[in-house]
Protein backbone atom coordinates (compact mmCIF):
# COMPACT_ATOMS: atom_id res chain seq x y z
CA MET A 1 35.01 2.31 89.51
CA GLY A 2 36.73 4.66 91.92
CA LYS A 3 33.88 4.36 94.43
CA PRO A 4 32.52 0.81 94.54
CA THR A 5 29.90 1.77 97.14
CA GLY A 6 28.62 4.82 95.27
CA PHE A 7 25.40 3.15 94.16
CA LEU A 8 24.62 2.28 97.79
CA GLU A 9 25.24 5.79 99.10
CA THR A 10 23.92 8.16 96.42
CA PRO A 11 20.34 8.26 95.13
CA ARG A 12 19.60 9.05 91.51
CA ARG A 13 19.13 12.77 91.05
CA GLY A 14 18.70 14.46 87.69
CA PRO A 15 18.85 18.18 86.97
CA ALA A 16 16.22 20.49 88.42
CA TYR A 17 13.69 22.22 86.19
CA ARG A 18 14.03 25.95 85.66
CA PRO A 19 11.29 27.81 87.56
CA VAL A 20 7.97 27.84 85.69
CA ALA A 21 7.71 31.62 86.01
CA VAL A 22 11.01 31.91 84.16
CA ARG A 23 10.24 29.23 81.55
CA LEU A 24 7.01 31.02 80.61
CA ARG A 25 9.08 33.91 79.30
CA ASP A 26 11.15 32.00 76.74
CA TRP A 27 11.50 28.79 74.72
CA ARG A 28 14.85 27.74 76.13
CA GLU A 29 15.75 24.29 77.47
CA VAL A 30 13.89 23.41 80.64
CA TYR A 31 16.68 22.13 82.91
CA GLU A 32 19.02 23.92 85.27
CA ALA A 33 22.72 23.11 85.05
CA GLN A 34 24.21 20.71 87.60
CA ASP A 35 27.53 21.51 89.23
CA ASP A 36 30.54 19.23 88.87
CA GLU A 37 30.13 17.79 92.36
CA GLN A 38 26.56 16.71 91.63
CA VAL A 39 27.54 15.20 88.28
CA ALA A 40 30.48 13.33 89.82
CA ALA A 41 28.20 11.95 92.53
CA GLN A 42 25.80 10.61 89.91
CA ALA A 43 28.66 9.03 87.96
CA SER A 44 29.84 7.34 91.16
CA ARG A 45 26.64 5.24 91.09
CA CYS A 46 28.02 3.18 88.18
CA MET A 47 28.50 -0.30 89.65
CA ASP A 48 31.43 -1.64 87.61
CA CYS A 49 29.04 -4.54 87.09
CA GLY A 50 31.34 -6.80 85.08
CA ILE A 51 29.10 -7.11 82.03
CA PRO A 52 28.19 -3.55 80.97
CA PHE A 53 24.74 -4.13 79.53
CA CYS A 54 24.46 -0.36 79.17
CA MET A 55 26.98 -0.56 76.31
CA GLN A 56 24.89 -3.26 74.65
CA GLY A 57 21.79 -1.13 75.07
CA CYS A 58 23.50 1.87 73.46
CA PRO A 59 23.17 1.76 69.63
CA LEU A 60 26.55 3.51 69.39
CA GLY A 61 28.37 1.26 71.83
CA ASN A 62 29.42 4.22 73.97
CA ARG A 63 32.08 3.33 76.56
CA ILE A 64 29.76 4.19 79.42
CA PRO A 65 31.55 2.64 82.44
CA ALA A 66 34.82 4.24 81.30
CA PHE A 67 33.45 7.76 81.03
CA ASN A 68 31.40 7.36 84.22
CA ASP A 69 34.58 6.55 86.12
CA LEU A 70 36.40 9.53 84.62
CA VAL A 71 33.52 11.89 85.45
CA TYR A 72 33.50 10.58 89.03
CA ARG A 73 37.15 11.64 89.17
CA THR A 74 36.16 14.99 87.47
CA ARG A 75 38.49 14.21 84.57
CA PHE A 76 36.11 15.65 82.01
CA GLU A 77 38.71 16.05 79.25
CA HIS A 78 39.55 12.35 79.32
CA ALA A 79 35.87 11.48 79.57
CA ALA A 80 35.24 13.54 76.43
CA ARG A 81 37.86 11.56 74.54
CA GLN A 82 36.13 8.32 75.48
CA LEU A 83 32.73 9.67 74.48
CA LEU A 84 33.80 11.24 71.18
CA ALA A 85 35.52 8.01 70.16
CA THR A 86 32.09 6.45 69.53
CA ASN A 87 29.67 9.38 69.28
CA ASN A 88 29.84 12.13 66.66
CA PHE A 89 27.29 14.38 68.37
CA PRO A 90 26.97 13.80 72.13
CA GLU A 91 25.37 17.23 72.52
CA PHE A 92 22.41 15.96 70.46
CA THR A 93 22.07 12.49 71.99
CA GLY A 94 22.64 13.84 75.50
CA ARG A 95 19.49 15.89 75.05
CA LEU A 96 17.31 13.82 72.73
CA CYS A 97 18.15 10.12 73.00
CA PRO A 98 15.49 7.90 74.66
CA ALA A 99 18.39 6.42 76.65
CA PRO A 100 18.13 2.64 76.08
CA CYS A 101 21.43 2.50 77.96
CA GLU A 102 19.59 3.44 81.14
CA SER A 103 16.93 0.79 80.50
CA ALA A 104 19.79 -1.74 80.26
CA CYS A 105 21.65 -0.47 83.35
CA VAL A 106 22.16 -3.30 85.86
CA LEU A 107 21.52 -0.93 88.77
CA GLY A 108 18.00 -0.51 87.39
CA ILE A 109 17.15 -4.09 88.40
CA ALA A 110 16.76 -3.13 92.05
CA ASP A 111 17.17 0.66 92.06
CA GLU A 112 16.97 3.61 89.68
CA PRO A 113 19.56 3.47 86.89
CA VAL A 114 22.56 5.76 86.53
CA THR A 115 21.78 9.12 84.88
CA ILE A 116 23.86 8.13 81.85
CA GLU A 117 22.23 10.48 79.36
CA ARG A 118 22.71 13.54 81.55
CA ILE A 119 26.31 12.58 82.31
CA GLU A 120 26.90 12.41 78.55
CA TYR A 121 25.39 15.89 78.23
CA GLU A 122 27.67 17.26 80.94
CA ILE A 123 30.78 15.71 79.37
CA ILE A 124 30.27 17.31 75.97
CA GLU A 125 29.24 20.69 77.43
CA HIS A 126 32.48 20.70 79.44
CA ALA A 127 34.36 19.78 76.26
CA PHE A 128 32.89 22.69 74.30
CA ALA A 129 33.50 25.11 77.16
CA ALA A 130 37.14 23.99 77.38
CA GLY A 131 37.70 24.32 73.62
CA LEU A 132 38.23 20.60 73.16
CA VAL A 133 35.80 20.24 70.24
CA ARG A 134 37.95 21.39 67.35
CA PRO A 135 37.79 21.25 63.55
CA SER A 136 39.23 18.14 61.94
CA GLU A 137 42.85 18.42 60.80
CA ALA A 138 42.95 15.18 58.81
CA VAL A 139 45.23 14.96 55.78
CA ALA A 140 43.22 15.32 52.58
CA SER A 141 42.50 11.94 50.98
CA GLY A 142 41.69 13.31 47.54
CA PHE A 143 38.24 11.70 47.56
CA ARG A 144 35.01 13.67 47.21
CA VAL A 145 31.73 12.54 48.79
CA ALA A 146 28.24 14.01 48.42
CA VAL A 147 25.78 13.56 51.27
CA VAL A 148 22.11 14.03 50.38
CA GLY A 149 20.16 15.13 53.44
CA SER A 150 21.33 17.07 56.48
CA GLY A 151 19.41 15.38 59.26
CA PRO A 152 21.19 13.52 62.09
CA SER A 153 22.36 10.63 59.90
CA GLY A 154 23.53 12.89 57.06
CA LEU A 155 25.45 15.14 59.41
CA ALA A 156 27.00 12.16 61.21
CA ALA A 157 28.10 10.68 57.89
CA ALA A 158 29.55 14.03 56.82
CA ALA A 159 31.43 14.48 60.09
CA GLN A 160 32.85 10.96 60.00
CA LEU A 161 33.93 11.20 56.36
CA SER A 162 35.49 14.61 56.94
CA SER A 163 37.40 13.29 59.96
CA VAL A 164 39.41 10.95 57.72
CA GLY A 165 40.23 13.59 55.13
CA HIS A 166 37.53 13.25 52.49
CA HIS A 167 36.06 16.39 50.93
CA VAL A 168 32.36 16.38 51.84
CA GLU A 169 29.49 18.41 50.44
CA VAL A 170 26.02 18.16 51.97
CA PHE A 171 22.91 18.84 49.86
CA GLU A 172 19.71 19.84 51.66
CA ARG A 173 16.35 20.57 50.03
CA ALA A 174 15.18 22.86 52.86
CA ASP A 175 16.38 26.41 53.34
CA ALA A 176 18.51 25.56 56.39
CA ILE A 177 20.70 22.68 57.54
CA GLY A 178 19.62 20.24 60.24
CA GLY A 179 16.61 18.24 59.09
CA LEU A 180 14.82 16.78 62.10
CA LEU A 181 17.20 18.58 64.45
CA ARG A 182 16.04 21.94 63.12
CA TYR A 183 12.46 21.37 62.00
CA GLY A 184 11.32 18.51 64.25
CA ILE A 185 12.81 19.15 67.70
CA PRO A 186 11.25 21.94 69.77
CA GLU A 187 13.50 24.60 71.23
CA PHE A 188 12.81 23.56 74.85
CA LYS A 189 14.29 20.11 74.07
CA MET A 190 17.32 21.40 72.17
CA GLU A 191 18.06 25.02 71.42
CA LYS A 192 19.02 25.79 67.82
CA ALA A 193 22.24 27.36 69.08
CA VAL A 194 23.42 23.84 69.96
CA LEU A 195 22.96 22.78 66.33
CA GLU A 196 24.62 25.94 65.00
CA ARG A 197 27.60 25.42 67.28
CA ARG A 198 28.21 21.99 65.77
CA LEU A 199 27.68 23.21 62.20
CA GLU A 200 30.35 25.86 62.71
CA VAL A 201 32.84 23.15 63.73
CA MET A 202 31.92 21.13 60.63
CA ARG A 203 32.29 24.15 58.33
CA ALA A 204 35.69 24.87 59.85
CA SER A 205 36.60 21.24 59.11
CA GLY A 206 35.89 21.87 55.42
CA VAL A 207 32.38 20.44 55.07
CA VAL A 208 30.42 22.42 52.47
CA PHE A 209 26.67 22.84 52.94
CA HIS A 210 24.21 23.53 50.11
CA THR A 211 20.66 24.55 51.08
CA SER A 212 17.55 24.71 48.87
CA ARG A 213 19.16 22.02 46.69
CA PRO A 214 16.72 19.16 46.08
CA ILE A 215 18.15 16.05 44.45
CA GLY A 216 15.90 14.31 41.95
CA ALA A 217 13.39 15.24 39.29
CA THR A 218 13.07 18.87 40.42
CA GLY A 219 16.75 19.63 40.94
CA THR A 220 20.21 18.17 40.55
CA THR A 221 19.97 14.52 39.55
CA LEU A 222 21.63 11.60 41.28
CA GLY A 223 23.51 10.92 38.06
CA GLU A 224 24.98 14.42 38.10
CA LEU A 225 26.21 13.92 41.64
CA GLN A 226 27.81 10.63 40.67
CA GLU A 227 29.67 12.38 37.86
CA HIS A 228 31.24 14.91 40.23
CA PHE A 229 31.81 12.82 43.37
CA ASP A 230 33.54 9.53 44.13
CA ALA A 231 30.65 8.41 46.34
CA VAL A 232 27.15 9.52 47.27
CA VAL A 233 25.51 8.97 50.67
CA LEU A 234 21.70 9.04 50.63
CA ALA A 235 20.40 10.17 54.04
CA ILE A 236 17.04 11.46 52.93
CA GLY A 237 14.93 10.71 55.99
CA SER A 238 11.54 9.04 55.99
CA THR A 239 9.03 11.70 54.93
CA VAL A 240 8.14 9.35 52.04
CA PRO A 241 8.92 5.72 52.99
CA ARG A 242 10.69 3.48 50.44
CA LEU A 243 11.17 6.38 48.07
CA ILE A 244 14.09 4.88 46.17
CA ASP A 245 13.65 1.54 44.38
CA VAL A 246 17.26 0.38 44.30
CA PRO A 247 18.94 -2.68 45.87
CA GLY A 248 19.88 -2.08 49.48
CA ALA A 249 17.66 0.95 49.92
């Protein structure tokens, strides 16, 4: 880390809440923005602890010490490259993740952990503002993949497949794309504009979305999808547990 003594000098400080009188008038997200100096100061608390247990705590294996160091140096573009290398949607996880990385942070043994989740949020918001989140320009592979379900896992699968050149079509039974992100997360936790912003990038990358398209007995069958696509990803959520009785389900 660029500032080895940062964790000794700077206390943990997250974003401030918007005034209650203002929040009562809308359903927008509850936090105020932090300026770059505040964010860099929080990133400086990363200890360069040798064994980054935060990365082990993160289900995605985000390169947390690397992007903390870059944020401390206010090199947000480089930090975004580190973050996007492992995370398809930092703007979602930076708002919604329960942050097991922070529970695993070594600094948390004797002090409050680094504000990793909020730093992640700031990195991706800087990236969008700077125009760094762009549609995929991968060379077409010639393969076609259907993704059933447009919740977080379905969208992540679609984005990853599209990034390597596959043609992807997403089938959603509801009348709008997003699954849990749209119908399960309240606006004050994540505004729908954040979801729409990402969907526009995916559409520009060539991902095709079909809404009001149930797959199964009441709509298109799985067999029909298999006839028209090289592979099918089932990301149907858990509204009915163990719905599909097939090996590996």
